[in-house]
């Protein structure tokens, strides 16, 4: 897992891991890791999340607005 930069210091995201067809996100409030995949959330959402994670800003807001419940169960 890589540490999420959180450029604005306002995110609940702590860490992330990027794979070919998924992104895993760990939040600050708990240690649970959520996996979002092409199959669960769709290609475009995953690619957008990967970009935001690497940039270090906007990932938490994106998750809340677009894919909050679309993680792999």
N, C-alpha and C. Protein backbone atom coordinates (compact mmCIF):
# COMPACT_ATOMS: atom_id res chain seq x y z
N UNK A 1 0.85 -1.18 0.00
CA UNK A 1 0.00 0.00 0.00
C UNK A 1 0.89 1.24 0.00
N UNK A 2 0.43 2.26 -0.68
CA UNK A 2 1.13 3.54 -0.71
C UNK A 2 0.35 4.56 0.11
N UNK A 3 1.08 5.43 0.77
CA UNK A 3 0.45 6.48 1.55
C UNK A 3 -0.21 7.49 0.61
N UNK A 4 -1.45 7.86 0.90
CA UNK A 4 -2.17 8.86 0.11
C UNK A 4 -1.71 10.24 0.55
N UNK A 5 -1.26 11.07 -0.39
CA UNK A 5 -0.68 12.37 -0.06
C UNK A 5 -1.66 13.32 0.63
N UNK A 6 -2.90 13.35 0.20
CA UNK A 6 -3.92 14.24 0.76
C UNK A 6 -3.41 15.68 0.79
N UNK A 7 -3.23 16.25 -0.38
CA UNK A 7 -2.65 17.58 -0.53
C UNK A 7 -3.37 18.66 0.27
N UNK A 8 -4.68 18.53 0.41
CA UNK A 8 -5.46 19.54 1.15
C UNK A 8 -5.68 19.18 2.61
N UNK A 9 -5.19 18.03 3.02
CA UNK A 9 -5.33 17.56 4.41
C UNK A 9 -6.78 17.51 4.86
N UNK A 10 -7.66 17.06 3.95
CA UNK A 10 -9.08 17.00 4.29
C UNK A 10 -9.72 15.66 3.91
N UNK A 11 -8.90 14.65 3.65
CA UNK A 11 -9.40 13.38 3.17
C UNK A 11 -9.47 12.33 4.27
N UNK A 12 -10.38 11.38 4.10
CA UNK A 12 -10.47 10.23 4.99
C UNK A 12 -9.63 9.07 4.47
N UNK A 13 -9.04 9.21 3.28
CA UNK A 13 -8.22 8.15 2.69
C UNK A 13 -6.83 8.18 3.31
N UNK A 14 -6.35 7.01 3.73
CA UNK A 14 -5.02 6.90 4.32
C UNK A 14 -4.01 6.30 3.34
N UNK A 15 -4.39 5.19 2.70
CA UNK A 15 -3.48 4.46 1.83
C UNK A 15 -4.24 3.90 0.63
N UNK A 16 -3.48 3.53 -0.40
CA UNK A 16 -4.09 2.92 -1.58
C UNK A 16 -3.11 1.98 -2.24
N UNK A 17 -3.65 1.07 -3.04
CA UNK A 17 -2.84 0.15 -3.84
C UNK A 17 -3.49 0.05 -5.21
N UNK A 18 -2.70 0.20 -6.24
CA UNK A 18 -3.20 0.15 -7.61
C UNK A 18 -2.76 -1.15 -8.28
N UNK A 19 -3.74 -1.83 -8.88
CA UNK A 19 -3.48 -3.01 -9.68
C UNK A 19 -3.94 -2.77 -11.10
N UNK A 20 -3.77 -3.76 -11.96
CA UNK A 20 -4.16 -3.59 -13.36
C UNK A 20 -5.64 -3.27 -13.52
N UNK A 21 -6.50 -3.99 -12.78
CA UNK A 21 -7.94 -3.84 -12.95
C UNK A 21 -8.64 -3.47 -11.65
N UNK A 22 -7.90 -2.90 -10.69
CA UNK A 22 -8.51 -2.57 -9.41
C UNK A 22 -7.73 -1.46 -8.70
N UNK A 23 -8.35 -0.93 -7.66
CA UNK A 23 -7.68 -0.06 -6.71
C UNK A 23 -8.19 -0.46 -5.34
N UNK A 24 -7.29 -0.56 -4.39
CA UNK A 24 -7.66 -0.83 -3.00
C UNK A 24 -7.45 0.46 -2.21
N UNK A 25 -8.40 0.75 -1.34
CA UNK A 25 -8.35 1.99 -0.57
C UNK A 25 -8.54 1.67 0.91
N UNK A 26 -7.67 2.23 1.73
CA UNK A 26 -7.80 2.11 3.18
C UNK A 26 -8.10 3.49 3.74
N UNK A 27 -9.09 3.56 4.60
CA UNK A 27 -9.50 4.83 5.18
C UNK A 27 -8.89 5.02 6.56
N UNK A 28 -8.81 6.26 7.00
CA UNK A 28 -8.17 6.60 8.27
C UNK A 28 -8.95 6.10 9.48
N UNK A 29 -10.27 6.08 9.39
CA UNK A 29 -11.10 5.76 10.55
C UNK A 29 -11.08 4.29 10.94
N UNK A 30 -10.75 3.42 10.00
CA UNK A 30 -10.64 2.00 10.32
C UNK A 30 -9.56 1.39 9.45
N UNK A 31 -9.21 0.18 9.75
CA UNK A 31 -8.13 -0.46 9.00
C UNK A 31 -8.65 -1.31 7.85
N UNK A 32 -9.96 -1.32 7.65
CA UNK A 32 -10.53 -2.13 6.58
C UNK A 32 -10.09 -1.59 5.22
N UNK A 33 -9.80 -2.52 4.33
CA UNK A 33 -9.38 -2.18 2.98
C UNK A 33 -10.52 -2.51 2.02
N UNK A 34 -10.91 -1.53 1.22
CA UNK A 34 -11.98 -1.70 0.24
C UNK A 34 -11.35 -1.83 -1.14
N UNK A 35 -11.76 -2.87 -1.87
CA UNK A 35 -11.29 -3.09 -3.23
C UNK A 35 -12.38 -2.68 -4.21
N UNK A 36 -12.02 -1.81 -5.13
CA UNK A 36 -12.91 -1.40 -6.21
C UNK A 36 -12.30 -1.94 -7.50
N UNK A 37 -13.09 -2.65 -8.30
CA UNK A 37 -12.55 -3.29 -9.49
C UNK A 37 -13.33 -2.87 -10.73
N UNK A 38 -12.77 -3.21 -11.89
CA UNK A 38 -13.49 -2.99 -13.14
C UNK A 38 -14.86 -3.66 -13.06
N UNK A 39 -14.90 -4.88 -12.53
CA UNK A 39 -16.15 -5.64 -12.47
C UNK A 39 -17.17 -5.01 -11.53
N UNK A 40 -16.71 -4.44 -10.43
CA UNK A 40 -17.65 -3.90 -9.43
C UNK A 40 -18.05 -2.45 -9.70
N UNK A 41 -17.12 -1.65 -10.19
CA UNK A 41 -17.38 -0.21 -10.32
C UNK A 41 -17.27 0.31 -11.75
N UNK A 42 -16.72 -0.48 -12.64
CA UNK A 42 -16.59 -0.06 -14.03
C UNK A 42 -15.21 0.51 -14.35
N UNK A 43 -14.80 0.31 -15.58
CA UNK A 43 -13.48 0.71 -16.04
C UNK A 43 -13.18 2.18 -15.79
N UNK A 44 -14.08 3.07 -16.22
CA UNK A 44 -13.80 4.50 -16.14
C UNK A 44 -13.67 4.99 -14.71
N UNK A 45 -14.52 4.51 -13.82
CA UNK A 45 -14.41 4.90 -12.42
C UNK A 45 -13.07 4.47 -11.82
N UNK A 46 -12.65 3.25 -12.13
CA UNK A 46 -11.38 2.76 -11.57
C UNK A 46 -10.21 3.58 -12.11
N UNK A 47 -10.21 3.86 -13.39
CA UNK A 47 -9.13 4.65 -13.96
C UNK A 47 -9.11 6.07 -13.39
N UNK A 48 -10.28 6.66 -13.18
CA UNK A 48 -10.35 7.98 -12.55
C UNK A 48 -9.80 7.93 -11.13
N UNK A 49 -10.16 6.90 -10.39
CA UNK A 49 -9.69 6.75 -9.01
C UNK A 49 -8.18 6.56 -8.95
N UNK A 50 -7.63 5.81 -9.90
CA UNK A 50 -6.17 5.62 -9.96
C UNK A 50 -5.47 6.97 -10.14
N UNK A 51 -5.98 7.78 -11.05
CA UNK A 51 -5.38 9.10 -11.30
C UNK A 51 -5.45 9.98 -10.06
N UNK A 52 -6.60 10.01 -9.41
CA UNK A 52 -6.76 10.83 -8.21
C UNK A 52 -5.86 10.35 -7.08
N UNK A 53 -5.73 9.04 -6.94
CA UNK A 53 -4.86 8.48 -5.90
C UNK A 53 -3.42 8.90 -6.13
N UNK A 54 -2.95 8.81 -7.36
CA UNK A 54 -1.57 9.17 -7.66
C UNK A 54 -1.35 10.67 -7.54
N UNK A 55 -2.36 11.46 -7.84
CA UNK A 55 -2.26 12.91 -7.70
C UNK A 55 -2.26 13.33 -6.23
N UNK A 56 -3.02 12.61 -5.42
CA UNK A 56 -3.05 12.90 -3.98
C UNK A 56 -4.14 13.84 -3.55
N UNK A 57 -5.17 13.99 -4.37
CA UNK A 57 -6.27 14.88 -4.00
C UNK A 57 -7.54 14.46 -4.72
N UNK A 58 -8.68 14.52 -4.03
CA UNK A 58 -9.97 14.30 -4.65
C UNK A 58 -10.50 12.88 -4.60
N UNK A 59 -9.72 11.93 -4.11
CA UNK A 59 -10.15 10.53 -4.13
C UNK A 59 -11.34 10.29 -3.20
N UNK A 60 -11.28 10.79 -1.99
CA UNK A 60 -12.37 10.58 -1.03
C UNK A 60 -13.69 11.15 -1.56
N UNK A 61 -13.65 12.35 -2.09
CA UNK A 61 -14.86 12.97 -2.64
C UNK A 61 -15.39 12.17 -3.82
N UNK A 62 -14.50 11.68 -4.67
CA UNK A 62 -14.92 10.89 -5.83
C UNK A 62 -15.61 9.61 -5.37
N UNK A 63 -15.01 8.93 -4.40
CA UNK A 63 -15.61 7.70 -3.88
C UNK A 63 -17.00 7.99 -3.33
N UNK A 64 -17.13 9.01 -2.50
CA UNK A 64 -18.42 9.33 -1.90
C UNK A 64 -19.48 9.70 -2.93
N UNK A 65 -19.08 10.34 -3.99
CA UNK A 65 -20.04 10.81 -4.99
C UNK A 65 -20.38 9.76 -6.05
N UNK A 66 -19.43 8.89 -6.39
CA UNK A 66 -19.63 7.99 -7.54
C UNK A 66 -19.66 6.50 -7.23
N UNK A 67 -18.85 6.03 -6.29
CA UNK A 67 -18.67 4.57 -6.16
C UNK A 67 -18.74 4.04 -4.73
N UNK A 68 -19.27 4.79 -3.83
CA UNK A 68 -19.22 4.45 -2.41
C UNK A 68 -19.60 2.99 -2.12
N UNK A 69 -20.67 2.52 -2.69
CA UNK A 69 -21.15 1.15 -2.42
C UNK A 69 -20.72 0.13 -3.49
N UNK A 70 -19.86 0.54 -4.42
CA UNK A 70 -19.49 -0.34 -5.53
C UNK A 70 -18.20 -1.11 -5.30
N UNK A 71 -17.84 -1.32 -4.06
CA UNK A 71 -16.63 -2.09 -3.76
C UNK A 71 -16.92 -3.59 -3.88
N UNK A 72 -15.87 -4.38 -4.02
CA UNK A 72 -15.98 -5.83 -4.13
C UNK A 72 -16.41 -6.39 -2.78
N UNK A 73 -17.41 -7.23 -2.79
CA UNK A 73 -17.91 -7.83 -1.53
C UNK A 73 -17.56 -9.29 -1.45
